[in-house]
Amino acid sequence: MRHFLLISLLAACGGSAETTPAPAPAPAPAPAPAAVAPPPAAPAASGRVSVTTLKKETVEDVHTLDVDVSTLKVGTAWDPSTITGSLTVRADTWASPVALRDTRVKELFFDAAAHPTFTLEVTSVEGFGPLAPDAKAEGVVNGTLAVLTGRIPVSAKVAITRGAAGLDVAVLEPVVVSAAALGLGDRLKAVSDACAVPLADAAKVTAAFTIPQP
């Protein structure tokens, strides 16, 4: 119902009143769109894992994955023997020159959409003590590799250097990892079938990363 403002122009003289419509109210401002939080950023890569696989019995392919060292701790500064925690490997960063195969590995082997990472939990470190600036030493890191439901013990011969930003860790000899030992043989076969290429069960794994120090 329209409302009018009655303005009496001649009421005092007994005349008739004129009416003028009131101006329409200004429309209410539209509500501001709700702020949408950006998706959480993936942790910055602190190093790389390299995986060498064998196809057709003779052809080696090299694949890389990013690692996150934020779950590794050094109990005593610059002393590798006090390293504890887990190295987190980002399965969702699996990469090689063949993008389609990478997609199949992430989907069929790692189920990376649901399980974007796997871990190497450090159980002991042997052969190290406190490192002086720029010093380098060699020893062994023992741990448990956990991929999906599979868990196997692994040992890696490593060199650790006291660098400017932290402890620089490099695997000296490839660690052989078996999909069957992890209970993931069926997943490897699914990748092999999807790619129509035979894949060896064992892969050779190396890594290089830096554990920051204060």
C-alpha atoms as a PDB file:
ATOM      1  CA  MET A   1       0.000   0.000   0.000  1.00  0.00           C
ATOM      2  CA  ARG A   2       1.428   3.318  -0.977  1.00  0.00           C
ATOM      3  CA  HIS A   3       1.777   5.918   1.731  1.00  0.00           C
ATOM      4  CA  PHE A   4       1.365   9.605   1.070  1.00  0.00           C
ATOM      5  CA  LEU A   5       2.472  12.605   3.029  1.00  0.00           C
ATOM      6  CA  LEU A   6      -0.539  14.930   3.443  1.00  0.00           C
ATOM      7  CA  ILE A   7       0.468  18.504   2.987  1.00  0.00           C
ATOM      8  CA  SER A   8      -2.294  21.047   3.812  1.00  0.00           C
ATOM      9  CA  LEU A   9      -1.710  24.024   1.625  1.00  0.00           C
ATOM     10  CA  LEU A  10      -5.098  25.744   2.086  1.00  0.00           C
ATOM     11  CA  ALA A  11      -6.500  24.185   5.245  1.00  0.00           C
ATOM     12  CA  ALA A  12      -6.511  27.436   7.132  1.00  0.00           C
ATOM     13  CA  CYS A  13      -8.743  29.035   4.412  1.00  0.00           C
ATOM     14  CA  GLY A  14     -11.093  26.074   4.152  1.00  0.00           C
ATOM     15  CA  GLY A  15      -9.558  25.022   0.831  1.00  0.00           C
ATOM     16  CA  SER A  16      -8.836  21.448  -0.277  1.00  0.00           C
ATOM     17  CA  ALA A  17      -5.538  19.806   0.596  1.00  0.00           C
ATOM     18  CA  GLU A  18      -3.003  18.732  -2.016  1.00  0.00           C
ATOM     19  CA  THR A  19      -1.079  15.500  -1.530  1.00  0.00           C
ATOM     20  CA  THR A  20       2.454  14.791  -2.659  1.00  0.00           C
ATOM     21  CA  PRO A  21       3.866  11.221  -2.660  1.00  0.00           C
ATOM     22  CA  ALA A  22       6.790  10.665  -0.364  1.00  0.00           C
ATOM     23  CA  PRO A  23      10.035   9.688  -2.092  1.00  0.00           C
ATOM     24  CA  ALA A  24      10.599   5.924  -2.299  1.00  0.00           C
ATOM     25  CA  PRO A  25      13.028   4.620   0.292  1.00  0.00           C
ATOM     26  CA  ALA A  26      16.526   3.915  -0.954  1.00  0.00           C
ATOM     27  CA  PRO A  27      17.131   0.218  -1.530  1.00  0.00           C
ATOM     28  CA  ALA A  28      19.051  -1.523   1.192  1.00  0.00           C
ATOM     29  CA  PRO A  29      22.656  -2.203   0.220  1.00  0.00           C
ATOM     30  CA  ALA A  30      23.318  -5.740  -0.887  1.00  0.00           C
ATOM     31  CA  PRO A  31      25.099  -7.774   1.768  1.00  0.00           C
ATOM     32  CA  ALA A  32      28.797  -8.198   1.170  1.00  0.00           C
ATOM     33  CA  PRO A  33      29.698 -11.689  -0.050  1.00  0.00           C
ATOM     34  CA  ALA A  34      30.941 -13.949   2.684  1.00  0.00           C
ATOM     35  CA  ALA A  35      34.706 -14.214   2.777  1.00  0.00           C
ATOM     36  CA  VAL A  36      35.942 -17.565   1.489  1.00  0.00           C
ATOM     37  CA  ALA A  37      39.054 -18.821   3.186  1.00  0.00           C
ATOM     38  CA  PRO A  38      41.725 -19.984   0.736  1.00  0.00           C
ATOM     39  CA  PRO A  39      42.622 -23.677   0.892  1.00  0.00           C
ATOM     40  CA  PRO A  40      45.512 -24.422   3.223  1.00  0.00           C
ATOM     41  CA  ALA A  41      48.853 -24.201   1.502  1.00  0.00           C
ATOM     42  CA  ALA A  42      50.888 -27.369   1.144  1.00  0.00           C
ATOM     43  CA  PRO A  43      54.006 -27.348   3.273  1.00  0.00           C
ATOM     44  CA  ALA A  44      57.063 -26.038   1.479  1.00  0.00           C
ATOM     45  CA  ALA A  45      59.280 -28.776   0.133  1.00  0.00           C
ATOM     46  CA  SER A  46      62.429 -29.261   2.208  1.00  0.00           C
ATOM     47  CA  GLY A  47      64.074 -31.762  -0.136  1.00  0.00           C
ATOM     48  CA  ARG A  48      63.414 -34.577  -2.541  1.00  0.00           C
ATOM     49  CA  VAL A  49      63.064 -38.331  -2.663  1.00  0.00           C
ATOM     50  CA  SER A  50      64.044 -40.034  -5.918  1.00  0.00           C
ATOM     51  CA  VAL A  51      62.541 -43.395  -6.861  1.00  0.00           C
ATOM     52  CA  THR A  52      64.033 -45.460  -9.690  1.00  0.00           C
ATOM     53  CA  THR A  53      61.669 -48.087 -11.079  1.00  0.00           C
ATOM     54  CA  LEU A  54      62.277 -50.779 -13.660  1.00  0.00           C
ATOM     55  CA  LYS A  55      59.928 -51.460 -16.549  1.00  0.00           C
ATOM     56  CA  LYS A  56      60.155 -54.099 -19.270  1.00  0.00           C
ATOM     57  CA  GLU A  57      62.995 -55.637 -17.214  1.00  0.00           C
ATOM     58  CA  THR A  58      65.642 -53.265 -18.624  1.00  0.00           C
ATOM     59  CA  VAL A  59      64.341 -49.682 -18.709  1.00  0.00           C
ATOM     60  CA  GLU A  60      64.876 -47.511 -15.637  1.00  0.00           C
ATOM     61  CA  ASP A  61      62.607 -44.539 -14.922  1.00  0.00           C
ATOM     62  CA  VAL A  62      63.328 -41.891 -12.284  1.00  0.00           C
ATOM     63  CA  HIS A  63      60.508 -40.304 -10.327  1.00  0.00           C
ATOM     64  CA  THR A  64      60.662 -37.597  -7.654  1.00  0.00           C
ATOM     65  CA  LEU A  65      58.589 -36.681  -4.618  1.00  0.00           C
ATOM     66  CA  ASP A  66      58.765 -33.665  -2.316  1.00  0.00           C
ATOM     67  CA  VAL A  67      59.423 -34.170   1.390  1.00  0.00           C
ATOM     68  CA  ASP A  68      58.444 -32.208   4.483  1.00  0.00           C
ATOM     69  CA  VAL A  69      60.929 -32.276   7.377  1.00  0.00           C
ATOM     70  CA  SER A  70      58.790 -30.346   9.867  1.00  0.00           C
ATOM     71  CA  THR A  71      58.038 -33.627  11.662  1.00  0.00           C
ATOM     72  CA  LEU A  72      61.750 -34.374  12.178  1.00  0.00           C
ATOM     73  CA  LYS A  73      63.396 -33.029  15.324  1.00  0.00           C
ATOM     74  CA  VAL A  74      67.007 -32.717  16.486  1.00  0.00           C
ATOM     75  CA  GLY A  75      67.199 -33.068  20.265  1.00  0.00           C
ATOM     76  CA  THR A  76      70.653 -31.490  20.613  1.00  0.00           C
ATOM     77  CA  ALA A  77      71.587 -28.797  18.124  1.00  0.00           C
ATOM     78  CA  TRP A  78      73.893 -29.977  15.325  1.00  0.00           C
ATOM     79  CA  ASP A  79      74.003 -33.553  16.660  1.00  0.00           C
ATOM     80  CA  PRO A  80      72.569 -36.001  14.094  1.00  0.00           C
ATOM     81  CA  SER A  81      72.523 -38.811  16.656  1.00  0.00           C
ATOM     82  CA  THR A  82      69.603 -37.048  18.365  1.00  0.00           C
ATOM     83  CA  ILE A  83      67.340 -36.955  15.286  1.00  0.00           C
ATOM     84  CA  THR A  84      63.828 -38.270  16.051  1.00  0.00           C
ATOM     85  CA  GLY A  85      60.396 -38.110  14.473  1.00  0.00           C
ATOM     86  CA  SER A  86      59.307 -38.840  10.920  1.00  0.00           C
ATOM     87  CA  LEU A  87      60.223 -37.756   7.422  1.00  0.00           C
ATOM     88  CA  THR A  88      56.968 -36.999   5.596  1.00  0.00           C
ATOM     89  CA  VAL A  89      56.955 -37.822   1.881  1.00  0.00           C
ATOM     90  CA  ARG A  90      54.293 -36.219  -0.315  1.00  0.00           C
ATOM     91  CA  ALA A  91      52.801 -38.945  -2.483  1.00  0.00           C
ATOM     92  CA  ASP A  92      50.684 -36.311  -4.234  1.00  0.00           C
ATOM     93  CA  THR A  93      53.845 -34.777  -5.748  1.00  0.00           C
ATOM     94  CA  TRP A  94      54.978 -37.964  -7.546  1.00  0.00           C
ATOM     95  CA  ALA A  95      56.423 -36.729 -10.833  1.00  0.00           C
ATOM     96  CA  SER A  96      58.242 -38.030 -13.902  1.00  0.00           C
ATOM     97  CA  PRO A  97      58.386 -37.078 -17.590  1.00  0.00           C
ATOM     98  CA  VAL A  98      55.187 -39.091 -18.226  1.00  0.00           C
ATOM     99  CA  ALA A  99      52.229 -37.165 -16.761  1.00  0.00           C
ATOM    100  CA  LEU A 100      49.558 -39.807 -17.502  1.00  0.00           C
ATOM    101  CA  ARG A 101      51.545 -42.512 -15.754  1.00  0.00           C
ATOM    102  CA  ASP A 102      52.097 -40.175 -12.793  1.00  0.00           C
ATOM    103  CA  THR A 103      48.345 -39.735 -12.481  1.00  0.00           C
ATOM    104  CA  ARG A 104      47.813 -43.493 -12.479  1.00  0.00           C
ATOM    105  CA  VAL A 105      50.511 -44.054  -9.855  1.00  0.00           C
ATOM    106  CA  LYS A 106      48.990 -41.409  -7.584  1.00  0.00           C
ATOM    107  CA  GLU A 107      45.471 -42.777  -8.045  1.00  0.00           C
ATOM    108  CA  LEU A 108      46.012 -46.548  -8.221  1.00  0.00           C
ATOM    109  CA  PHE A 109      49.092 -47.095  -6.064  1.00  0.00           C
ATOM    110  CA  PHE A 110      49.135 -44.334  -3.446  1.00  0.00           C
ATOM    111  CA  ASP A 111      45.435 -43.350  -3.437  1.00  0.00           C
ATOM    112  CA  ALA A 112      46.904 -39.878  -3.005  1.00  0.00           C
ATOM    113  CA  ALA A 113      43.569 -38.050  -2.934  1.00  0.00           C
ATOM    114  CA  ALA A 114      42.753 -39.775   0.356  1.00  0.00           C
ATOM    115  CA  HIS A 115      46.332 -40.404   1.517  1.00  0.00           C
ATOM    116  CA  PRO A 116      48.525 -37.562   0.201  1.00  0.00           C
ATOM    117  CA  THR A 117      51.567 -38.501   2.307  1.00  0.00           C
ATOM    118  CA  PHE A 118      53.492 -41.447   3.669  1.00  0.00           C
ATOM    119  CA  THR A 119      56.240 -41.508   6.278  1.00  0.00           C
ATOM    120  CA  LEU A 120      59.607 -42.828   7.323  1.00  0.00           C
ATOM    121  CA  GLU A 121      59.686 -42.937  11.116  1.00  0.00           C
ATOM    122  CA  VAL A 122      63.223 -42.721  12.502  1.00  0.00           C
ATOM    123  CA  THR A 123      63.910 -45.444  15.074  1.00  0.00           C
ATOM    124  CA  SER A 124      67.668 -44.965  15.554  1.00  0.00           C
ATOM    125  CA  VAL A 125      70.675 -43.099  14.160  1.00  0.00           C
ATOM    126  CA  GLU A 126      74.140 -44.679  14.281  1.00  0.00           C
ATOM    127  CA  GLY A 127      77.665 -43.397  13.792  1.00  0.00           C
ATOM    128  CA  PHE A 128      77.179 -39.699  14.485  1.00  0.00           C
ATOM    129  CA  GLY A 129      78.016 -37.138  17.160  1.00  0.00           C
ATOM    130  CA  PRO A 130      77.941 -33.333  17.336  1.00  0.00           C
ATOM    131  CA  LEU A 131      79.167 -31.681  14.132  1.00  0.00           C
ATOM    132  CA  ALA A 132      81.461 -28.660  13.974  1.00  0.00           C
ATOM    133  CA  PRO A 133      80.694 -25.971  11.350  1.00  0.00           C
ATOM    134  CA  ASP A 134      81.041 -27.363   7.799  1.00  0.00           C
ATOM    135  CA  ALA A 135      81.875 -30.821   9.188  1.00  0.00           C
ATOM    136  CA  LYS A 136      80.585 -33.957   7.481  1.00  0.00           C
ATOM    137  CA  ALA A 137      80.102 -37.466   8.818  1.00  0.00           C
ATOM    138  CA  GLU A 138      78.647 -40.759   7.601  1.00  0.00           C
ATOM    139  CA  GLY A 139      76.443 -43.191   9.434  1.00  0.00           C
ATOM    140  CA  VAL A 140      73.191 -45.145   9.262  1.00  0.00           C
ATOM    141  CA  VAL A 141      69.589 -44.103   9.805  1.00  0.00           C
ATOM    142  CA  ASN A 142      67.176 -46.894  10.709  1.00  0.00           C
ATOM    143  CA  GLY A 143      63.453 -46.511  10.516  1.00  0.00           C
ATOM    144  CA  THR A 144      60.029 -47.815   9.592  1.00  0.00           C
ATOM    145  CA  LEU A 145      58.575 -47.008   6.190  1.00  0.00           C
ATOM    146  CA  ALA A 146      54.778 -46.746   6.306  1.00  0.00           C
ATOM    147  CA  VAL A 147      52.821 -46.551   3.034  1.00  0.00           C
ATOM    148  CA  LEU A 148      49.045 -46.921   3.340  1.00  0.00           C
ATOM    149  CA  THR A 149      48.591 -50.072   5.460  1.00  0.00           C
ATOM    150  CA  GLY A 150      52.083 -51.437   4.773  1.00  0.00           C
ATOM    151  CA  ARG A 151      55.017 -51.079   7.168  1.00  0.00           C
ATOM    152  CA  ILE A 152      58.562 -52.371   6.676  1.00  0.00           C
ATOM    153  CA  PRO A 153      61.909 -51.725   8.422  1.00  0.00           C
ATOM    154  CA  VAL A 154      64.520 -49.877   6.369  1.00  0.00           C
ATOM    155  CA  SER A 155      68.126 -48.797   6.879  1.00  0.00           C
ATOM    156  CA  ALA A 156      69.932 -46.138   4.886  1.00  0.00           C
ATOM    157  CA  LYS A 157      73.608 -45.224   4.758  1.00  0.00           C
ATOM    158  CA  VAL A 158      73.703 -41.433   4.840  1.00  0.00           C
ATOM    159  CA  ALA A 159      76.105 -38.505   4.866  1.00  0.00           C
ATOM    160  CA  ILE A 160      75.160 -35.548   7.053  1.00  0.00           C
ATOM    161  CA  THR A 161      76.854 -32.169   6.759  1.00  0.00           C
ATOM    162  CA  ARG A 162      76.527 -29.173   9.054  1.00  0.00           C
ATOM    163  CA  GLY A 163      75.456 -26.535   6.538  1.00  0.00           C
ATOM    164  CA  ALA A 164      74.510 -22.890   6.802  1.00  0.00           C
ATOM    165  CA  ALA A 165      70.777 -23.589   7.201  1.00  0.00           C
ATOM    166  CA  GLY A 166      70.837 -26.888   9.049  1.00  0.00           C
ATOM    167  CA  LEU A 167      71.819 -30.530   8.771  1.00  0.00           C
ATOM    168  CA  ASP A 168      72.094 -31.506   5.111  1.00  0.00           C
ATOM    169  CA  VAL A 169      71.209 -35.181   4.751  1.00  0.00           C
ATOM    170  CA  ALA A 170      71.971 -37.288   1.658  1.00  0.00           C
ATOM    171  CA  VAL A 171      71.394 -41.009   1.146  1.00  0.00           C
ATOM    172  CA  LEU A 172      74.648 -42.511  -0.134  1.00  0.00           C
ATOM    173  CA  GLU A 173      73.409 -45.890  -1.372  1.00  0.00           C
ATOM    174  CA  PRO A 174      69.945 -46.561  -2.822  1.00  0.00           C
ATOM    175  CA  VAL A 175      67.530 -48.324  -0.498  1.00  0.00           C
ATOM    176  CA  VAL A 176      65.649 -51.150  -2.219  1.00  0.00           C
ATOM    177  CA  VAL A 177      61.926 -51.095  -1.418  1.00  0.00           C
ATOM    178  CA  SER A 178      59.534 -53.886  -2.407  1.00  0.00           C
ATOM    179  CA  ALA A 179      55.876 -53.226  -3.114  1.00  0.00           C
ATOM    180  CA  ALA A 180      55.084 -56.837  -2.226  1.00  0.00           C
ATOM    181  CA  ALA A 181      56.827 -56.498   1.149  1.00  0.00           C
ATOM    182  CA  LEU A 182      54.593 -53.505   1.862  1.00  0.00           C
ATOM    183  CA  GLY A 183      51.541 -55.571   0.943  1.00  0.00           C
ATOM    184  CA  LEU A 184      50.958 -53.345  -2.077  1.00  0.00           C
ATOM    185  CA  GLY A 185      51.658 -55.825  -4.868  1.00  0.00           C
ATOM    186  CA  ASP A 186      48.052 -55.680  -6.117  1.00  0.00           C
ATOM    187  CA  ARG A 187      48.273 -51.902  -6.346  1.00  0.00           C
ATOM    188  CA  LEU A 188      51.496 -52.125  -8.360  1.00  0.00           C
ATOM    189  CA  LYS A 189      49.802 -54.614 -10.699  1.00  0.00           C
ATOM    190  CA  ALA A 190      46.895 -52.205 -11.158  1.00  0.00           C
ATOM    191  CA  VAL A 191      49.348 -49.531 -12.308  1.00  0.00           C
ATOM    192  CA  SER A 192      51.109 -52.013 -14.588  1.00  0.00           C
ATOM    193  CA  ASP A 193      47.806 -53.098 -16.149  1.00  0.00           C
ATOM    194  CA  ALA A 194      46.600 -49.516 -16.610  1.00  0.00           C
ATOM    195  CA  CYS A 195      49.879 -48.524 -18.272  1.00  0.00           C
ATOM    196  CA  ALA A 196      50.100 -51.777 -20.256  1.00  0.00           C
ATOM    197  CA  VAL A 197      53.735 -52.204 -19.243  1.00  0.00           C
ATOM    198  CA  PRO A 198      55.377 -54.740 -16.898  1.00  0.00           C
ATOM    199  CA  LEU A 199      56.822 -53.136 -13.749  1.00  0.00           C
ATOM    200  CA  ALA A 200      59.377 -54.714 -11.422  1.00  0.00           C
ATOM    201  CA  ASP A 201      58.353 -55.183  -7.797  1.00  0.00           C
ATOM    202  CA  ALA A 202      61.441 -53.504  -6.312  1.00  0.00           C
ATOM    203  CA  ALA A 203      62.370 -49.838  -6.599  1.00  0.00           C
ATOM    204  CA  LYS A 204      65.597 -48.034  -5.620  1.00  0.00           C
ATOM    205  CA  VAL A 205      65.091 -45.028  -3.358  1.00  0.00           C
ATOM    206  CA  THR A 206      67.437 -42.155  -2.497  1.00  0.00           C
ATOM    207  CA  ALA A 207      66.826 -38.825  -0.791  1.00  0.00           C
ATOM    208  CA  ALA A 208      68.390 -35.454  -0.021  1.00  0.00           C
ATOM    209  CA  PHE A 209      66.964 -32.904   2.391  1.00  0.00           C
ATOM    210  CA  THR A 210      67.863 -30.343   5.038  1.00  0.00           C
ATOM    211  CA  ILE A 211      66.740 -30.368   8.667  1.00  0.00           C
ATOM    212  CA  PRO A 212      66.698 -26.713   9.785  1.00  0.00           C
ATOM    213  CA  GLN A 213      68.645 -25.736  12.893  1.00  0.00           C
ATOM    214  CA  PRO A 214      68.355 -22.549  14.949  1.00  0.00           C
END
